Amino acid sequence: DDLGRRFGLPVKLDHHPRALLVGDRWFGAGRGVRQFAVVYTGEVLGGALYFDGHLYRGTAGAGGELGHTFVQLDGEPCRCGRRGCWDTIATLSWLRREAARTALPEPDLIDSARLVDMAARRLPGAAELLDRYARNVAVGIANLQQTVAPNIFIMHGDVVLGGDCLLGAIAEHVRAMVPSRPGGAIEFIAGDAGDRAALLGAAGLVISELLQLPI
């Protein structure tokens, strides 16, 4: 309401991963695809789903809180007040905490790009932490694949900074967790690590809402 009054324009509110998905659907790797998922990692973890040619929002727009699906019963406390959420093992806060325990240099600054570089330089513990991080990201993706089988995952955020090394490790863990079955191979595509897709998608969400266009 405040933004609407300030700028004299309609304002729409939506979920950040859904903006990423619309950016991919209209301008990126999701163009022409009938079914795919977007996964975002960073300080938080989230996702969005595109099924049978439609953006899935869930009741009252509540769908897509993938970061708060359970992956560890009685696991670590989550910022949401529960325990064992995917968010607790696959975000930058987990990675930096584990980097400090591993005694890697400047743990508070570590992201996927730095960790891949440390692993390539064979710093003690870096390769092992990289593999654990990949597996932690893969756990939630494997659960999503087992549940709704989108088959195509477009990755955004921090994991994209890890390049083919990290995305390949995530894909390998997911394929090891998900049994072979009909429907084709599971594909992983690198989106962007910045805000371009989200900004394009946010514009797309506003346009589709105002003009009543299908997403």
N, C-alpha and C. Protein backbone atom coordinates (compact mmCIF):
# COMPACT_ATOMS: atom_id res chain seq x y z
N ASP A 1 0.83 -1.21 0.00
CA ASP A 1 0.00 0.00 0.00
C ASP A 1 0.86 1.26 0.00
N ASP A 2 1.94 1.26 0.81
CA ASP A 2 2.83 2.42 0.87
C ASP A 2 3.47 2.70 -0.49
N LEU A 3 3.94 1.65 -1.15
CA LEU A 3 4.55 1.82 -2.47
C LEU A 3 3.53 2.32 -3.49
N GLY A 4 2.32 1.80 -3.42
CA GLY A 4 1.28 2.23 -4.35
C GLY A 4 0.98 3.71 -4.19
N ARG A 5 0.89 4.15 -2.93
CA ARG A 5 0.62 5.57 -2.70
C ARG A 5 1.80 6.44 -3.13
N ARG A 6 3.01 5.97 -2.89
CA ARG A 6 4.19 6.77 -3.20
C ARG A 6 4.36 6.97 -4.71
N PHE A 7 4.15 5.90 -5.47
CA PHE A 7 4.41 5.97 -6.91
C PHE A 7 3.15 6.11 -7.76
N GLY A 8 1.99 5.98 -7.14
CA GLY A 8 0.76 6.11 -7.90
C GLY A 8 0.58 5.01 -8.92
N LEU A 9 1.07 3.82 -8.60
CA LEU A 9 1.00 2.69 -9.53
C LEU A 9 0.48 1.45 -8.80
N PRO A 10 -0.09 0.50 -9.56
CA PRO A 10 -0.49 -0.76 -8.92
C PRO A 10 0.74 -1.50 -8.41
N VAL A 11 0.63 -2.14 -7.26
CA VAL A 11 1.73 -2.90 -6.67
C VAL A 11 1.26 -4.33 -6.42
N LYS A 12 2.06 -5.29 -6.83
CA LYS A 12 1.74 -6.70 -6.63
C LYS A 12 2.82 -7.33 -5.76
N LEU A 13 2.42 -8.23 -4.87
CA LEU A 13 3.33 -8.91 -3.97
C LEU A 13 3.33 -10.40 -4.29
N ASP A 14 4.53 -10.98 -4.44
CA ASP A 14 4.62 -12.40 -4.72
C ASP A 14 5.92 -12.95 -4.15
N HIS A 15 6.10 -14.26 -4.28
CA HIS A 15 7.22 -14.99 -3.71
C HIS A 15 8.44 -14.87 -4.63
N HIS A 16 9.62 -14.59 -4.04
CA HIS A 16 10.84 -14.39 -4.83
C HIS A 16 11.13 -15.55 -5.79
N PRO A 17 11.08 -16.83 -5.36
CA PRO A 17 11.34 -17.91 -6.32
C PRO A 17 10.33 -17.96 -7.47
N ARG A 18 9.09 -17.51 -7.24
CA ARG A 18 8.13 -17.48 -8.34
C ARG A 18 8.52 -16.42 -9.37
N ALA A 19 9.10 -15.32 -8.90
CA ALA A 19 9.61 -14.32 -9.85
C ALA A 19 10.75 -14.93 -10.68
N LEU A 20 11.64 -15.68 -10.03
CA LEU A 20 12.71 -16.37 -10.76
C LEU A 20 12.12 -17.30 -11.81
N LEU A 21 11.08 -18.04 -11.42
CA LEU A 21 10.49 -19.00 -12.34
C LEU A 21 9.89 -18.30 -13.56
N VAL A 22 9.19 -17.21 -13.34
CA VAL A 22 8.60 -16.48 -14.47
C VAL A 22 9.70 -15.91 -15.37
N GLY A 23 10.79 -15.43 -14.76
CA GLY A 23 11.92 -14.96 -15.57
C GLY A 23 12.47 -16.07 -16.45
N ASP A 24 12.59 -17.27 -15.89
CA ASP A 24 13.05 -18.42 -16.68
C ASP A 24 12.02 -18.84 -17.72
N ARG A 25 10.74 -18.78 -17.34
CA ARG A 25 9.66 -19.21 -18.23
C ARG A 25 9.55 -18.31 -19.45
N TRP A 26 9.69 -17.02 -19.26
CA TRP A 26 9.52 -16.07 -20.37
C TRP A 26 10.82 -15.77 -21.11
N PHE A 27 11.94 -15.78 -20.38
CA PHE A 27 13.18 -15.28 -20.99
C PHE A 27 14.36 -16.25 -20.91
N GLY A 28 14.23 -17.36 -20.18
CA GLY A 28 15.38 -18.23 -19.94
C GLY A 28 15.18 -19.67 -20.33
N ALA A 29 15.77 -20.56 -19.56
CA ALA A 29 15.81 -21.98 -19.91
C ALA A 29 14.45 -22.65 -19.80
N GLY A 30 13.46 -22.00 -19.20
CA GLY A 30 12.13 -22.59 -19.09
C GLY A 30 11.22 -22.31 -20.27
N ARG A 31 11.69 -21.58 -21.24
CA ARG A 31 10.84 -21.25 -22.40
C ARG A 31 10.45 -22.53 -23.15
N GLY A 32 9.15 -22.69 -23.36
CA GLY A 32 8.67 -23.84 -24.10
C GLY A 32 8.61 -25.14 -23.32
N VAL A 33 8.99 -25.11 -22.04
CA VAL A 33 8.99 -26.32 -21.22
C VAL A 33 7.66 -26.41 -20.47
N ARG A 34 7.05 -27.57 -20.45
CA ARG A 34 5.75 -27.74 -19.81
C ARG A 34 5.85 -27.98 -18.31
N GLN A 35 7.01 -28.44 -17.85
CA GLN A 35 7.13 -28.80 -16.44
C GLN A 35 8.58 -28.63 -15.98
N PHE A 36 8.81 -27.81 -14.96
CA PHE A 36 10.14 -27.64 -14.39
C PHE A 36 10.04 -27.04 -13.01
N ALA A 37 11.15 -27.07 -12.30
CA ALA A 37 11.22 -26.47 -10.96
C ALA A 37 12.39 -25.50 -10.90
N VAL A 38 12.25 -24.47 -10.11
CA VAL A 38 13.32 -23.53 -9.81
C VAL A 38 13.72 -23.72 -8.36
N VAL A 39 15.02 -23.78 -8.11
CA VAL A 39 15.53 -23.86 -6.74
C VAL A 39 16.53 -22.74 -6.53
N TYR A 40 16.33 -21.98 -5.46
CA TYR A 40 17.23 -20.86 -5.13
C TYR A 40 17.93 -21.16 -3.81
N THR A 41 19.25 -20.99 -3.78
CA THR A 41 20.00 -21.14 -2.54
C THR A 41 20.80 -19.88 -2.26
N GLY A 42 21.04 -19.63 -0.99
CA GLY A 42 21.81 -18.46 -0.57
C GLY A 42 21.65 -18.31 0.92
N GLU A 43 21.34 -17.10 1.37
CA GLU A 43 21.06 -16.89 2.79
C GLU A 43 19.78 -17.62 3.19
N VAL A 44 18.88 -17.81 2.23
CA VAL A 44 17.67 -18.59 2.44
C VAL A 44 17.57 -19.60 1.31
N LEU A 45 16.59 -20.47 1.38
CA LEU A 45 16.41 -21.49 0.36
C LEU A 45 14.94 -21.54 -0.01
N GLY A 46 14.65 -21.56 -1.30
CA GLY A 46 13.26 -21.59 -1.73
C GLY A 46 13.13 -22.18 -3.11
N GLY A 47 11.90 -22.31 -3.57
CA GLY A 47 11.68 -22.89 -4.88
C GLY A 47 10.31 -22.55 -5.42
N ALA A 48 10.12 -22.88 -6.68
CA ALA A 48 8.84 -22.66 -7.34
C ALA A 48 8.65 -23.75 -8.37
N LEU A 49 7.39 -24.04 -8.70
CA LEU A 49 7.05 -25.17 -9.56
C LEU A 49 6.19 -24.71 -10.74
N TYR A 50 6.48 -25.28 -11.90
CA TYR A 50 5.70 -25.01 -13.11
C TYR A 50 5.21 -26.36 -13.63
N PHE A 51 3.89 -26.58 -13.59
CA PHE A 51 3.33 -27.88 -13.95
C PHE A 51 2.30 -27.75 -15.06
N ASP A 52 2.46 -28.58 -16.07
CA ASP A 52 1.48 -28.66 -17.16
C ASP A 52 1.11 -27.29 -17.71
N GLY A 53 2.14 -26.45 -17.86
CA GLY A 53 1.92 -25.13 -18.44
C GLY A 53 1.38 -24.08 -17.51
N HIS A 54 1.45 -24.33 -16.18
CA HIS A 54 0.91 -23.36 -15.23
C HIS A 54 1.85 -23.19 -14.04
N LEU A 55 2.01 -21.96 -13.59
CA LEU A 55 2.73 -21.67 -12.35
C LEU A 55 1.90 -22.15 -11.17
N TYR A 56 2.52 -22.95 -10.30
CA TYR A 56 1.81 -23.47 -9.13
C TYR A 56 2.03 -22.53 -7.95
N ARG A 57 0.94 -22.02 -7.40
CA ARG A 57 1.01 -21.12 -6.26
C ARG A 57 0.56 -21.78 -4.96
N GLY A 58 -0.32 -22.74 -5.04
CA GLY A 58 -0.88 -23.33 -3.84
C GLY A 58 -1.99 -22.45 -3.27
N THR A 59 -2.65 -22.92 -2.23
CA THR A 59 -3.74 -22.18 -1.61
C THR A 59 -3.23 -20.86 -1.05
N ALA A 60 -3.89 -19.77 -1.45
CA ALA A 60 -3.53 -18.43 -0.97
C ALA A 60 -2.07 -18.08 -1.24
N GLY A 61 -1.47 -18.70 -2.27
CA GLY A 61 -0.09 -18.41 -2.61
C GLY A 61 0.93 -18.99 -1.66
N ALA A 62 0.52 -19.97 -0.86
CA ALA A 62 1.40 -20.50 0.19
C ALA A 62 2.33 -21.59 -0.30
N GLY A 63 2.23 -22.02 -1.56
CA GLY A 63 3.08 -23.08 -2.07
C GLY A 63 4.50 -22.59 -2.34
N GLY A 64 5.44 -23.52 -2.32
CA GLY A 64 6.81 -23.18 -2.68
C GLY A 64 7.76 -22.95 -1.52
N GLU A 65 7.31 -23.16 -0.29
CA GLU A 65 8.21 -22.99 0.86
C GLU A 65 9.08 -24.24 1.03
N LEU A 66 9.87 -24.51 0.00
CA LEU A 66 10.66 -25.74 -0.01
C LEU A 66 11.71 -25.76 1.09
N GLY A 67 12.21 -24.59 1.45
CA GLY A 67 13.23 -24.53 2.49
C GLY A 67 12.75 -25.04 3.83
N HIS A 68 11.43 -25.09 4.02
CA HIS A 68 10.90 -25.52 5.31
C HIS A 68 10.21 -26.88 5.21
N THR A 69 10.58 -27.66 4.20
CA THR A 69 10.23 -29.07 4.21
C THR A 69 11.25 -29.79 5.09
N PHE A 70 10.83 -30.88 5.72
CA PHE A 70 11.70 -31.56 6.68
C PHE A 70 12.66 -32.52 5.97
N VAL A 71 13.92 -32.45 6.35
CA VAL A 71 14.92 -33.40 5.83
C VAL A 71 15.64 -34.13 6.96
N GLN A 72 15.50 -33.65 8.19
CA GLN A 72 16.13 -34.29 9.35
C GLN A 72 15.18 -34.21 10.54
N LEU A 73 14.54 -35.31 10.89
CA LEU A 73 13.70 -35.30 12.08
C LEU A 73 14.57 -34.99 13.30
N ASP A 74 14.10 -34.05 14.12
CA ASP A 74 14.85 -33.62 15.31
C ASP A 74 16.22 -33.07 14.94
N GLY A 75 16.31 -32.44 13.76
CA GLY A 75 17.57 -31.83 13.33
C GLY A 75 17.79 -30.49 13.99
N GLU A 76 18.63 -29.67 13.38
CA GLU A 76 18.99 -28.38 13.96
C GLU A 76 17.79 -27.43 13.98
N PRO A 77 17.76 -26.51 14.95
CA PRO A 77 16.68 -25.52 14.97
C PRO A 77 16.71 -24.64 13.72
N CYS A 78 15.53 -24.34 13.22
CA CYS A 78 15.41 -23.49 12.04
C CYS A 78 14.92 -22.11 12.47
N ARG A 79 15.15 -21.13 11.64
CA ARG A 79 14.70 -19.76 11.96
C ARG A 79 13.17 -19.68 12.05
N CYS A 80 12.47 -20.69 11.47
CA CYS A 80 11.01 -20.69 11.52
C CYS A 80 10.49 -21.20 12.86
N GLY A 81 11.39 -21.72 13.72
CA GLY A 81 10.99 -22.21 15.02
C GLY A 81 10.87 -23.72 15.11
N ARG A 82 10.94 -24.40 13.96
CA ARG A 82 10.88 -25.86 13.97
C ARG A 82 12.30 -26.42 13.84
N ARG A 83 12.40 -27.73 13.72
CA ARG A 83 13.70 -28.37 13.59
C ARG A 83 13.77 -29.20 12.30
N GLY A 84 14.99 -29.29 11.77
CA GLY A 84 15.24 -30.21 10.67
C GLY A 84 14.78 -29.76 9.31
N CYS A 85 14.50 -28.46 9.12
CA CYS A 85 14.11 -27.97 7.80
C CYS A 85 15.29 -28.05 6.83
N TRP A 86 14.99 -28.18 5.57
CA TRP A 86 16.03 -28.19 4.52
C TRP A 86 16.89 -26.93 4.63
N ASP A 87 16.28 -25.83 5.00
CA ASP A 87 16.98 -24.56 5.17
C ASP A 87 18.16 -24.66 6.13
N THR A 88 18.08 -25.56 7.11
CA THR A 88 19.13 -25.63 8.14
C THR A 88 20.41 -26.30 7.66
N ILE A 89 20.36 -27.00 6.51
CA ILE A 89 21.56 -27.73 6.06
C ILE A 89 22.02 -27.36 4.66
N ALA A 90 21.33 -26.42 4.01
CA ALA A 90 21.67 -26.15 2.61
C ALA A 90 21.70 -24.67 2.28
N THR A 91 22.00 -23.83 3.28
CA THR A 91 22.11 -22.40 3.05
C THR A 91 23.53 -21.93 3.39
N LEU A 92 23.80 -20.68 3.10
CA LEU A 92 25.13 -20.14 3.37
C LEU A 92 25.46 -20.13 4.86
N SER A 93 24.46 -19.97 5.70
CA SER A 93 24.75 -19.97 7.14
C SER A 93 25.30 -21.33 7.57
N TRP A 94 24.71 -22.42 7.07
CA TRP A 94 25.24 -23.75 7.38
C TRP A 94 26.64 -23.89 6.81
N LEU A 95 26.83 -23.49 5.57
CA LEU A 95 28.13 -23.65 4.91
C LEU A 95 29.22 -22.90 5.68
N ARG A 96 28.94 -21.69 6.10
CA ARG A 96 29.94 -20.88 6.79
C ARG A 96 30.22 -21.40 8.20
N ARG A 97 29.20 -21.90 8.84
CA ARG A 97 29.40 -22.51 10.16
C ARG A 97 30.28 -23.75 10.06
N GLU A 98 30.02 -24.58 9.06
CA GLU A 98 30.83 -25.78 8.87
C GLU A 98 32.24 -25.44 8.39
N ALA A 99 32.38 -24.38 7.62
CA ALA A 99 33.72 -23.95 7.19
C ALA A 99 34.55 -23.52 8.39
N ALA A 100 33.91 -22.86 9.36
CA ALA A 100 34.62 -22.47 10.57
C ALA A 100 35.06 -23.70 11.36
N ARG A 101 34.18 -24.71 11.46
CA ARG A 101 34.53 -25.94 12.16
C ARG A 101 35.66 -26.69 11.46
N THR A 102 35.71 -26.55 10.14
CA THR A 102 36.75 -27.22 9.36
C THR A 102 38.05 -26.43 9.36
N ALA A 103 38.02 -25.22 9.92
CA ALA A 103 39.19 -24.33 10.00
C ALA A 103 39.64 -23.86 8.62
N LEU A 104 38.67 -23.64 7.71
CA LEU A 104 39.00 -23.04 6.42
C LEU A 104 39.18 -21.53 6.60
N PRO A 105 40.01 -20.90 5.78
CA PRO A 105 40.27 -19.46 5.97
C PRO A 105 39.04 -18.61 5.66
N GLU A 106 38.89 -17.54 6.44
CA GLU A 106 37.80 -16.57 6.28
C GLU A 106 36.44 -17.25 6.09
N PRO A 107 36.03 -18.05 7.04
CA PRO A 107 34.78 -18.81 6.86
C PRO A 107 33.55 -17.94 6.69
N ASP A 108 33.54 -16.75 7.28
CA ASP A 108 32.37 -15.88 7.18
C ASP A 108 32.18 -15.32 5.77
N LEU A 109 33.19 -15.45 4.92
CA LEU A 109 33.09 -14.94 3.55
C LEU A 109 32.90 -16.05 2.52
N ILE A 110 32.86 -17.27 2.99
CA ILE A 110 32.80 -18.40 2.05
C ILE A 110 31.45 -18.47 1.34
N ASP A 111 31.54 -18.67 0.03
CA ASP A 111 30.38 -19.03 -0.77
C ASP A 111 30.79 -20.20 -1.65
N SER A 112 29.94 -20.60 -2.57
CA SER A 112 30.25 -21.77 -3.39
C SER A 112 31.48 -21.57 -4.25
N ALA A 113 31.66 -20.38 -4.79
CA ALA A 113 32.82 -20.12 -5.64
C ALA A 113 34.12 -20.26 -4.85
N ARG A 114 34.15 -19.69 -3.65
CA ARG A 114 35.36 -19.79 -2.81
C ARG A 114 35.62 -21.23 -2.40
N LEU A 115 34.56 -21.95 -2.08
CA LEU A 115 34.74 -23.33 -1.63
C LEU A 115 35.26 -24.22 -2.77
N VAL A 116 34.74 -24.03 -3.97
CA VAL A 116 35.23 -24.79 -5.12
C VAL A 116 36.70 -24.49 -5.37
N ASP A 117 37.07 -23.20 -5.24
CA ASP A 117 38.47 -22.82 -5.42
C ASP A 117 39.35 -23.46 -4.35
N MET A 118 38.89 -23.47 -3.10
CA MET A 118 39.67 -24.09 -2.03
C MET A 118 39.82 -25.59 -2.25
N ALA A 119 38.76 -26.23 -2.73
CA ALA A 119 38.84 -27.66 -3.02
C ALA A 119 39.83 -27.92 -4.15
N ALA A 120 39.82 -27.05 -5.15
CA ALA A 120 40.76 -27.21 -6.27
C ALA A 120 42.20 -27.04 -5.82
N ARG A 121 42.41 -26.18 -4.80
CA ARG A 121 43.76 -25.96 -4.26
C ARG A 121 44.09 -26.96 -3.16
N ARG A 122 43.18 -27.88 -2.93
CA ARG A 122 43.36 -28.99 -1.98
C ARG A 122 43.62 -28.52 -0.55
N LEU A 123 42.91 -27.46 -0.14
CA LEU A 123 42.97 -27.06 1.26
C LEU A 123 42.32 -28.16 2.10
N PRO A 124 42.92 -28.53 3.21
CA PRO A 124 42.39 -29.63 4.03
C PRO A 124 40.93 -29.42 4.40
N GLY A 125 40.10 -30.39 4.12
CA GLY A 125 38.69 -30.36 4.48
C GLY A 125 37.78 -29.71 3.46
N ALA A 126 38.34 -28.99 2.47
CA ALA A 126 37.49 -28.25 1.53
C ALA A 126 36.70 -29.18 0.62
N ALA A 127 37.35 -30.18 0.06
CA ALA A 127 36.66 -31.10 -0.85
C ALA A 127 35.55 -31.86 -0.13
N GLU A 128 35.83 -32.27 1.11
CA GLU A 128 34.82 -33.00 1.88
C GLU A 128 33.62 -32.11 2.18
N LEU A 129 33.88 -30.84 2.55
CA LEU A 129 32.78 -29.92 2.82
C LEU A 129 31.98 -29.64 1.56
N LEU A 130 32.66 -29.50 0.43
CA LEU A 130 31.98 -29.27 -0.83
C LEU A 130 31.02 -30.43 -1.15
N ASP A 131 31.49 -31.65 -0.93
CA ASP A 131 30.64 -32.80 -1.21
C ASP A 131 29.45 -32.86 -0.25
N ARG A 132 29.66 -32.53 1.01
CA ARG A 132 28.56 -32.51 1.99
C ARG A 132 27.53 -31.46 1.62
N TYR A 133 28.00 -30.29 1.20
CA TYR A 133 27.09 -29.22 0.81
C TYR A 133 26.26 -29.65 -0.40
N ALA A 134 26.92 -30.27 -1.39
CA ALA A 134 26.22 -30.75 -2.57
C ALA A 134 25.16 -31.78 -2.18
N ARG A 135 25.52 -32.67 -1.28
CA ARG A 135 24.57 -33.71 -0.85
C ARG A 135 23.40 -33.09 -0.09
N ASN A 136 23.66 -32.09 0.73
CA ASN A 136 22.59 -31.44 1.48
C ASN A 136 21.61 -30.74 0.55
N VAL A 137 22.13 -30.09 -0.47
CA VAL A 137 21.25 -29.46 -1.46
C VAL A 137 20.46 -30.54 -2.20
N ALA A 138 21.14 -31.64 -2.51
CA ALA A 138 20.51 -32.72 -3.29
C ALA A 138 19.37 -33.39 -2.54
N VAL A 139 19.45 -33.47 -1.21
CA VAL A 139 18.42 -34.17 -0.44
C VAL A 139 17.03 -33.59 -0.71
N GLY A 140 16.91 -32.27 -0.62
CA GLY A 140 15.61 -31.63 -0.86
C GLY A 140 15.15 -31.77 -2.29
N ILE A 141 16.09 -31.68 -3.22
CA ILE A 141 15.74 -31.83 -4.63
C ILE A 141 15.26 -33.25 -4.91
N ALA A 142 15.92 -34.23 -4.32
CA ALA A 142 15.50 -35.62 -4.49
C ALA A 142 14.09 -35.85 -3.96
N ASN A 143 13.77 -35.26 -2.80
CA ASN A 143 12.42 -35.37 -2.26
C ASN A 143 11.40 -34.76 -3.21
N LEU A 144 11.74 -33.60 -3.78
CA LEU A 144 10.84 -32.94 -4.72
C LEU A 144 10.65 -33.78 -5.98
N GLN A 145 11.74 -34.36 -6.46
CA GLN A 145 11.66 -35.20 -7.65
C GLN A 145 10.82 -36.45 -7.38
N GLN A 146 10.98 -37.04 -6.21
CA GLN A 146 10.19 -38.21 -5.86
C GLN A 146 8.70 -37.89 -5.73
N THR A 147 8.40 -36.65 -5.34
CA THR A 147 7.01 -36.27 -5.08
C THR A 147 6.27 -35.87 -6.35
N VAL A 148 6.88 -34.99 -7.16
CA VAL A 148 6.16 -34.45 -8.32
C VAL A 148 6.92 -34.59 -9.63
N ALA A 149 8.16 -35.08 -9.61
CA ALA A 149 8.96 -35.39 -10.80
C ALA A 149 8.96 -34.30 -11.86
N PRO A 150 9.45 -33.11 -11.52
CA PRO A 150 9.54 -32.08 -12.56
C PRO A 150 10.58 -32.39 -13.63
N ASN A 151 11.60 -33.19 -13.28
CA ASN A 151 12.66 -33.66 -14.18
C ASN A 151 13.66 -32.58 -14.61
N ILE A 152 13.23 -31.32 -14.69
CA ILE A 152 14.15 -30.22 -15.03
C ILE A 152 14.22 -29.27 -13.84
N PHE A 153 15.44 -29.04 -13.36
CA PHE A 153 15.67 -28.12 -12.25
C PHE A 153 16.57 -26.99 -12.72
N ILE A 154 16.08 -25.76 -12.61
CA ILE A 154 16.88 -24.58 -12.93
C ILE A 154 17.36 -23.99 -11.62
N MET A 155 18.67 -23.96 -11.44
CA MET A 155 19.27 -23.55 -10.18
C MET A 155 19.63 -22.06 -10.22
N HIS A 156 19.40 -21.39 -9.11
CA HIS A 156 19.73 -19.97 -8.98
C HIS A 156 20.44 -19.73 -7.65
N GLY A 157 21.08 -18.58 -7.56
CA GLY A 157 21.69 -18.18 -6.30
C GLY A 157 23.10 -18.71 -6.11
N ASP A 158 23.44 -18.98 -4.87
CA ASP A 158 24.81 -19.29 -4.50
C ASP A 158 25.38 -20.51 -5.23
N VAL A 159 24.60 -21.57 -5.38
CA VAL A 159 25.16 -22.79 -5.97
C VAL A 159 25.64 -22.55 -7.40
N VAL A 160 25.06 -21.57 -8.08
CA VAL A 160 25.50 -21.27 -9.45
C VAL A 160 26.95 -20.79 -9.46
N LEU A 161 27.37 -20.12 -8.38
CA LEU A 161 28.75 -19.65 -8.29
C LEU A 161 29.75 -20.80 -8.26
N GLY A 162 29.27 -21.98 -7.84
CA GLY A 162 30.14 -23.15 -7.81
C GLY A 162 30.38 -23.78 -9.17
N GLY A 163 29.70 -23.30 -10.20
CA GLY A 163 29.94 -23.76 -11.57
C GLY A 163 29.60 -25.22 -11.77
N ASP A 164 30.18 -25.77 -12.83
CA ASP A 164 29.89 -27.16 -13.20
C ASP A 164 30.33 -28.14 -12.11
N CYS A 165 31.34 -27.76 -11.35
CA CYS A 165 31.83 -28.65 -10.30
C CYS A 165 30.74 -28.93 -9.26
N LEU A 166 30.13 -27.87 -8.75
CA LEU A 166 29.11 -28.05 -7.72
C LEU A 166 27.81 -28.59 -8.31
N LEU A 167 27.37 -28.05 -9.43
CA LEU A 167 26.13 -28.53 -10.03
C LEU A 167 26.24 -30.00 -10.42
N GLY A 168 27.41 -30.39 -10.90
CA GLY A 168 27.62 -31.80 -11.24
C GLY A 168 27.55 -32.69 -10.02
N ALA A 169 28.11 -32.22 -8.90
CA ALA A 169 28.07 -33.00 -7.65
C ALA A 169 26.65 -33.12 -7.13
N ILE A 170 25.88 -32.02 -7.20
CA ILE A 170 24.48 -32.06 -6.78
C ILE A 170 23.70 -33.06 -7.63
N ALA A 171 23.89 -32.98 -8.94
CA ALA A 171 23.19 -33.88 -9.86
C ALA A 171 23.54 -35.34 -9.57
N GLU A 172 24.81 -35.61 -9.30
CA GLU A 172 25.25 -36.98 -9.02
C GLU A 172 24.58 -37.51 -7.75
N HIS A 173 24.50 -36.68 -6.72
CA HIS A 173 23.86 -37.13 -5.49
C HIS A 173 22.35 -37.35 -5.69
N VAL A 174 21.71 -36.44 -6.43
CA VAL A 174 20.27 -36.61 -6.67
C VAL A 174 20.01 -37.91 -7.41
N ARG A 175 20.78 -38.18 -8.43
CA ARG A 175 20.57 -39.40 -9.23
C ARG A 175 20.84 -40.66 -8.43
N ALA A 176 21.73 -40.55 -7.45
CA ALA A 176 21.99 -41.70 -6.58
C ALA A 176 20.84 -41.92 -5.60
N MET A 177 20.13 -40.84 -5.24
CA MET A 177 19.04 -40.94 -4.28
C MET A 177 17.71 -41.33 -4.92
N VAL A 178 17.55 -41.01 -6.21
CA VAL A 178 16.27 -41.23 -6.89
C VAL A 178 16.39 -42.48 -7.76
N PRO A 179 15.55 -43.48 -7.53
CA PRO A 179 15.65 -44.71 -8.33
C PRO A 179 15.25 -44.46 -9.78
N SER A 180 15.80 -45.28 -10.67
CA SER A 180 15.46 -45.18 -12.09
C SER A 180 13.99 -45.53 -12.28
N ARG A 181 13.32 -44.75 -13.12
CA ARG A 181 11.91 -45.00 -13.42
C ARG A 181 11.55 -44.29 -14.71
N PRO A 182 10.38 -44.58 -15.31
CA PRO A 182 9.99 -43.92 -16.56
C PRO A 182 9.88 -42.41 -16.38
N GLY A 183 10.04 -41.70 -17.48
CA GLY A 183 9.87 -40.25 -17.44
C GLY A 183 11.07 -39.47 -17.93
N GLY A 184 12.18 -40.15 -18.21
CA GLY A 184 13.34 -39.46 -18.74
C GLY A 184 14.33 -39.07 -17.68
N ALA A 185 15.48 -38.57 -18.12
CA ALA A 185 16.56 -38.20 -17.23
C ALA A 185 16.25 -36.92 -16.47
N ILE A 186 16.87 -36.79 -15.30
CA ILE A 186 16.76 -35.56 -14.52
C ILE A 186 17.83 -34.59 -15.02
N GLU A 187 17.41 -33.38 -15.34
CA GLU A 187 18.32 -32.39 -15.92
C GLU A 187 18.50 -31.21 -14.97
N PHE A 188 19.74 -30.73 -14.87
CA PHE A 188 20.06 -29.57 -14.04
C PHE A 188 20.62 -28.47 -14.93
N ILE A 189 20.08 -27.26 -14.78
CA ILE A 189 20.48 -26.13 -15.61
C ILE A 189 20.87 -24.97 -14.69
N ALA A 190 21.98 -24.33 -14.98
CA ALA A 190 22.42 -23.17 -14.19
C ALA A 190 21.65 -21.93 -14.64
N GLY A 191 20.97 -21.30 -13.72
CA GLY A 191 20.36 -20.01 -13.97
C GLY A 191 21.38 -18.92 -13.69
N ASP A 192 20.97 -17.89 -12.97
CA ASP A 192 21.95 -16.85 -12.63
C ASP A 192 22.13 -16.77 -11.12
N ALA A 193 23.24 -16.17 -10.75
CA ALA A 193 23.55 -16.01 -9.33
C ALA A 193 23.10 -14.65 -8.81
N GLY A 194 22.66 -13.78 -9.71
CA GLY A 194 22.27 -12.43 -9.33
C GLY A 194 20.77 -12.22 -9.37
N ASP A 195 20.37 -11.01 -9.76
CA ASP A 195 18.96 -10.62 -9.67
C ASP A 195 18.28 -10.47 -11.03
N ARG A 196 18.99 -10.73 -12.12
CA ARG A 196 18.42 -10.46 -13.45
C ARG A 196 17.12 -11.24 -13.68
N ALA A 197 17.16 -12.57 -13.46
CA ALA A 197 15.97 -13.38 -13.69
C ALA A 197 14.82 -12.95 -12.79
N ALA A 198 15.15 -12.63 -11.53
CA ALA A 198 14.10 -12.22 -10.59
C ALA A 198 13.46 -10.91 -11.01
N LEU A 199 14.26 -9.96 -11.48
CA LEU A 199 13.71 -8.67 -11.91
C LEU A 199 12.85 -8.83 -13.16
N LEU A 200 13.33 -9.63 -14.11
CA LEU A 200 12.53 -9.90 -15.31
C LEU A 200 11.24 -10.61 -14.94
N GLY A 201 11.36 -11.58 -14.04
CA GLY A 201 10.18 -12.32 -13.63
C GLY A 201 9.19 -11.48 -12.86
N ALA A 202 9.69 -10.58 -12.01
CA ALA A 202 8.80 -9.68 -11.28
C ALA A 202 8.01 -8.80 -12.24
N ALA A 203 8.71 -8.30 -13.27
CA ALA A 203 8.01 -7.51 -14.30
C ALA A 203 6.97 -8.38 -15.01
N GLY A 204 7.35 -9.64 -15.28
CA GLY A 204 6.41 -10.54 -15.94
C GLY A 204 5.18 -10.83 -15.09
N LEU A 205 5.38 -10.98 -13.79
CA LEU A 205 4.25 -11.22 -12.89
C LEU A 205 3.28 -10.04 -12.88
N VAL A 206 3.84 -8.82 -12.85
CA VAL A 206 2.99 -7.62 -12.84
C VAL A 206 2.22 -7.51 -14.16
N ILE A 207 2.94 -7.71 -15.28
CA ILE A 207 2.29 -7.61 -16.59
C ILE A 207 1.19 -8.65 -16.74
N SER A 208 1.49 -9.89 -16.35
CA SER A 208 0.49 -10.94 -16.49
C SER A 208 -0.73 -10.67 -15.63
N GLU A 209 -0.51 -10.09 -14.45
CA GLU A 209 -1.62 -9.78 -13.56
C GLU A 209 -2.47 -8.64 -14.12
N LEU A 210 -1.81 -7.59 -14.55
CA LEU A 210 -2.53 -6.41 -15.03
C LEU A 210 -3.29 -6.69 -16.33
N LEU A 211 -2.66 -7.46 -17.22
CA LEU A 211 -3.26 -7.73 -18.52
C LEU A 211 -4.00 -9.06 -18.55
N GLN A 212 -3.98 -9.76 -17.41
CA GLN A 212 -4.65 -11.07 -17.29
C GLN A 212 -4.12 -12.04 -18.35
N LEU A 213 -2.78 -12.06 -18.46
CA LEU A 213 -2.13 -12.97 -19.39
C LEU A 213 -1.76 -14.26 -18.68
N PRO A 214 -1.82 -15.40 -19.37
CA PRO A 214 -1.34 -16.63 -18.75
C PRO A 214 0.17 -16.62 -18.59
N ILE A 215 0.67 -17.17 -17.48
CA ILE A 215 2.11 -17.26 -17.27
C ILE A 215 2.65 -18.48 -17.96
